[in-house]
Amino acid sequence: AVLAYRQAAKAGNSTAQYFLALAYLMGDGVKKNRRVAVAWFRRAVEGGEDLCNFLSTRQDPSKEALIAEFCSLAAD
């Protein structure tokens, strides 16, 4: 699945970018890499991916708030 996510993510699919970020965050199918996870998550947020809001504790957070929350999650 990671190969398909990566291909779609590189083509600009924000949903694939989100799931690829989660894969890197958890080490699911790839070597765990928080820096890469944050980079893909940032691209997903900037692409308007609605699933990113599920990680947020805020209602209707800004893109900057989503990225900051994900960076904090990835730092744990």
N, C-alpha and C. Protein backbone atom coordinates (compact mmCIF):
# COMPACT_ATOMS: atom_id res chain seq x y z
N ALA A 1 0.82 -1.19 0.00
CA ALA A 1 0.00 0.00 0.00
C ALA A 1 0.88 1.27 0.00
N VAL A 2 2.01 1.20 0.69
CA VAL A 2 2.87 2.37 0.78
C VAL A 2 3.37 2.79 -0.60
N LEU A 3 3.66 1.84 -1.45
CA LEU A 3 4.13 2.19 -2.80
C LEU A 3 3.06 2.95 -3.57
N ALA A 4 1.81 2.51 -3.44
CA ALA A 4 0.72 3.20 -4.12
C ALA A 4 0.51 4.59 -3.51
N TYR A 5 0.58 4.69 -2.18
CA TYR A 5 0.45 6.00 -1.53
C TYR A 5 1.55 6.94 -1.99
N ARG A 6 2.78 6.43 -2.06
CA ARG A 6 3.91 7.28 -2.46
C ARG A 6 3.74 7.79 -3.88
N GLN A 7 3.33 6.90 -4.77
CA GLN A 7 3.14 7.31 -6.17
C GLN A 7 2.05 8.37 -6.28
N ALA A 8 0.92 8.14 -5.61
CA ALA A 8 -0.18 9.12 -5.65
C ALA A 8 0.20 10.41 -4.93
N ALA A 9 0.94 10.29 -3.83
CA ALA A 9 1.36 11.47 -3.07
C ALA A 9 2.27 12.35 -3.90
N LYS A 10 3.21 11.73 -4.60
CA LYS A 10 4.11 12.50 -5.45
C LYS A 10 3.37 13.18 -6.59
N ALA A 11 2.24 12.59 -6.99
CA ALA A 11 1.43 13.18 -8.06
C ALA A 11 0.52 14.29 -7.54
N GLY A 12 0.54 14.52 -6.21
CA GLY A 12 -0.23 15.63 -5.65
C GLY A 12 -1.51 15.24 -4.95
N ASN A 13 -1.78 13.95 -4.77
CA ASN A 13 -2.99 13.51 -4.10
C ASN A 13 -2.85 13.74 -2.60
N SER A 14 -3.63 14.67 -2.05
CA SER A 14 -3.47 15.04 -0.64
C SER A 14 -3.91 13.93 0.31
N THR A 15 -4.86 13.09 -0.08
CA THR A 15 -5.26 11.97 0.78
C THR A 15 -4.11 10.97 0.88
N ALA A 16 -3.47 10.68 -0.24
CA ALA A 16 -2.31 9.79 -0.24
C ALA A 16 -1.17 10.39 0.58
N GLN A 17 -0.99 11.70 0.50
CA GLN A 17 0.05 12.36 1.29
C GLN A 17 -0.21 12.19 2.79
N TYR A 18 -1.47 12.30 3.18
CA TYR A 18 -1.86 12.12 4.59
C TYR A 18 -1.54 10.70 5.05
N PHE A 19 -1.97 9.70 4.28
CA PHE A 19 -1.74 8.32 4.68
C PHE A 19 -0.26 7.95 4.63
N LEU A 20 0.48 8.52 3.70
CA LEU A 20 1.92 8.29 3.65
C LEU A 20 2.58 8.90 4.88
N ALA A 21 2.13 10.08 5.28
CA ALA A 21 2.66 10.71 6.50
C ALA A 21 2.41 9.82 7.71
N LEU A 22 1.22 9.26 7.82
CA LEU A 22 0.92 8.37 8.95
C LEU A 22 1.79 7.11 8.90
N ALA A 23 2.02 6.59 7.71
CA ALA A 23 2.88 5.40 7.57
C ALA A 23 4.28 5.69 8.09
N TYR A 24 4.83 6.85 7.72
CA TYR A 24 6.16 7.21 8.20
C TYR A 24 6.16 7.51 9.70
N LEU A 25 5.09 8.08 10.20
CA LEU A 25 5.01 8.37 11.63
C LEU A 25 5.02 7.09 12.45
N MET A 26 4.30 6.07 11.98
CA MET A 26 4.15 4.82 12.73
C MET A 26 5.13 3.74 12.30
N GLY A 27 5.83 3.95 11.18
CA GLY A 27 6.73 2.92 10.68
C GLY A 27 5.96 1.75 10.09
N ASP A 28 4.84 2.03 9.47
CA ASP A 28 3.97 1.00 8.89
C ASP A 28 4.30 0.81 7.42
N GLY A 29 5.10 -0.20 7.11
CA GLY A 29 5.49 -0.47 5.73
C GLY A 29 6.72 0.29 5.27
N VAL A 30 7.20 1.20 6.10
CA VAL A 30 8.41 1.98 5.83
C VAL A 30 9.17 2.14 7.15
N LYS A 31 10.43 2.51 7.04
CA LYS A 31 11.18 2.80 8.25
C LYS A 31 10.62 4.06 8.89
N LYS A 32 10.37 4.00 10.19
CA LYS A 32 9.82 5.15 10.91
C LYS A 32 10.74 6.36 10.74
N ASN A 33 10.12 7.48 10.31
CA ASN A 33 10.90 8.68 10.08
C ASN A 33 10.00 9.88 10.31
N ARG A 34 10.13 10.49 11.46
CA ARG A 34 9.25 11.60 11.83
C ARG A 34 9.46 12.83 10.96
N ARG A 35 10.68 13.07 10.55
CA ARG A 35 10.96 14.23 9.70
C ARG A 35 10.24 14.09 8.36
N VAL A 36 10.29 12.93 7.77
CA VAL A 36 9.61 12.68 6.51
C VAL A 36 8.10 12.71 6.71
N ALA A 37 7.63 12.18 7.84
CA ALA A 37 6.20 12.21 8.15
C ALA A 37 5.69 13.64 8.19
N VAL A 38 6.41 14.50 8.87
CA VAL A 38 5.99 15.90 8.97
C VAL A 38 5.97 16.56 7.60
N ALA A 39 6.97 16.26 6.77
CA ALA A 39 7.01 16.85 5.42
C ALA A 39 5.80 16.44 4.60
N TRP A 40 5.43 15.16 4.66
CA TRP A 40 4.26 14.70 3.90
C TRP A 40 2.98 15.25 4.51
N PHE A 41 2.92 15.33 5.81
CA PHE A 41 1.73 15.88 6.44
C PHE A 41 1.56 17.34 6.04
N ARG A 42 2.63 18.08 6.03
CA ARG A 42 2.58 19.50 5.63
C ARG A 42 2.02 19.62 4.21
N ARG A 43 2.49 18.77 3.30
CA ARG A 43 1.99 18.81 1.92
C ARG A 43 0.50 18.48 1.87
N ALA A 44 0.07 17.52 2.69
CA ALA A 44 -1.34 17.14 2.73
C ALA A 44 -2.20 18.30 3.22
N VAL A 45 -1.74 18.95 4.28
CA VAL A 45 -2.48 20.11 4.82
C VAL A 45 -2.55 21.21 3.78
N GLU A 46 -1.41 21.51 3.17
CA GLU A 46 -1.37 22.57 2.17
C GLU A 46 -2.22 22.24 0.95
N GLY A 47 -2.41 20.93 0.70
CA GLY A 47 -3.25 20.50 -0.41
C GLY A 47 -4.72 20.47 -0.06
N GLY A 48 -5.04 20.78 1.20
CA GLY A 48 -6.44 20.87 1.61
C GLY A 48 -7.06 19.57 2.08
N GLU A 49 -6.25 18.62 2.48
CA GLU A 49 -6.79 17.32 2.90
C GLU A 49 -7.63 17.45 4.16
N ASP A 50 -8.90 17.11 4.07
CA ASP A 50 -9.82 17.20 5.21
C ASP A 50 -9.53 16.19 6.31
N LEU A 51 -8.94 15.04 5.99
CA LEU A 51 -8.64 14.04 7.00
C LEU A 51 -7.66 14.56 8.05
N CYS A 52 -6.88 15.56 7.70
CA CYS A 52 -5.91 16.13 8.63
C CYS A 52 -6.58 16.67 9.88
N ASN A 53 -7.83 17.10 9.75
CA ASN A 53 -8.55 17.63 10.91
C ASN A 53 -8.77 16.59 11.99
N PHE A 54 -8.75 15.29 11.64
CA PHE A 54 -8.95 14.25 12.63
C PHE A 54 -7.84 14.23 13.68
N LEU A 55 -6.67 14.70 13.33
CA LEU A 55 -5.56 14.72 14.28
C LEU A 55 -5.63 15.91 15.22
N SER A 56 -6.49 16.84 14.90
CA SER A 56 -6.53 18.08 15.65
C SER A 56 -7.49 18.02 16.82
N THR A 57 -7.13 18.72 17.89
CA THR A 57 -8.01 18.84 19.05
C THR A 57 -8.86 20.10 18.96
N ARG A 58 -8.62 20.90 17.93
CA ARG A 58 -9.34 22.16 17.74
C ARG A 58 -10.44 22.00 16.71
N GLN A 59 -11.47 22.80 16.85
CA GLN A 59 -12.52 22.79 15.85
C GLN A 59 -12.13 23.76 14.74
N ASP A 60 -12.13 23.28 13.51
CA ASP A 60 -11.77 24.07 12.35
C ASP A 60 -10.43 24.80 12.51
N PRO A 61 -9.34 24.06 12.75
CA PRO A 61 -8.04 24.71 12.92
C PRO A 61 -7.50 25.27 11.60
N SER A 62 -6.62 26.25 11.72
CA SER A 62 -5.96 26.80 10.54
C SER A 62 -4.91 25.80 10.04
N LYS A 63 -4.42 26.02 8.84
CA LYS A 63 -3.37 25.15 8.31
C LYS A 63 -2.14 25.19 9.20
N GLU A 64 -1.80 26.37 9.69
CA GLU A 64 -0.62 26.52 10.55
C GLU A 64 -0.80 25.74 11.85
N ALA A 65 -2.02 25.78 12.42
CA ALA A 65 -2.29 25.06 13.67
C ALA A 65 -2.22 23.55 13.45
N LEU A 66 -2.74 23.08 12.32
CA LEU A 66 -2.67 21.65 12.01
C LEU A 66 -1.22 21.19 11.90
N ILE A 67 -0.42 21.95 11.18
CA ILE A 67 0.98 21.59 11.02
C ILE A 67 1.70 21.59 12.35
N ALA A 68 1.43 22.59 13.18
CA ALA A 68 2.06 22.66 14.51
C ALA A 68 1.65 21.47 15.37
N GLU A 69 0.38 21.09 15.32
CA GLU A 69 -0.07 19.94 16.11
C GLU A 69 0.57 18.66 15.62
N PHE A 70 0.68 18.51 14.32
CA PHE A 70 1.30 17.30 13.80
C PHE A 70 2.78 17.25 14.15
N CYS A 71 3.45 18.38 14.09
CA CYS A 71 4.86 18.43 14.48
C CYS A 71 5.03 18.02 15.93
N SER A 72 4.11 18.46 16.79
CA SER A 72 4.16 18.08 18.21
C SER A 72 3.92 16.58 18.37
N LEU A 73 2.96 16.05 17.63
CA LEU A 73 2.67 14.62 17.68
C LEU A 73 3.88 13.82 17.22
N ALA A 74 4.51 14.27 16.17
CA ALA A 74 5.66 13.55 15.62
C ALA A 74 6.87 13.65 16.53
N ALA A 75 6.93 14.65 17.39
CA ALA A 75 8.07 14.83 18.29
C ALA A 75 7.99 13.92 19.51
N ASP A 76 6.79 13.40 19.81
CA ASP A 76 6.62 12.52 20.99
C ASP A 76 7.37 11.22 20.84
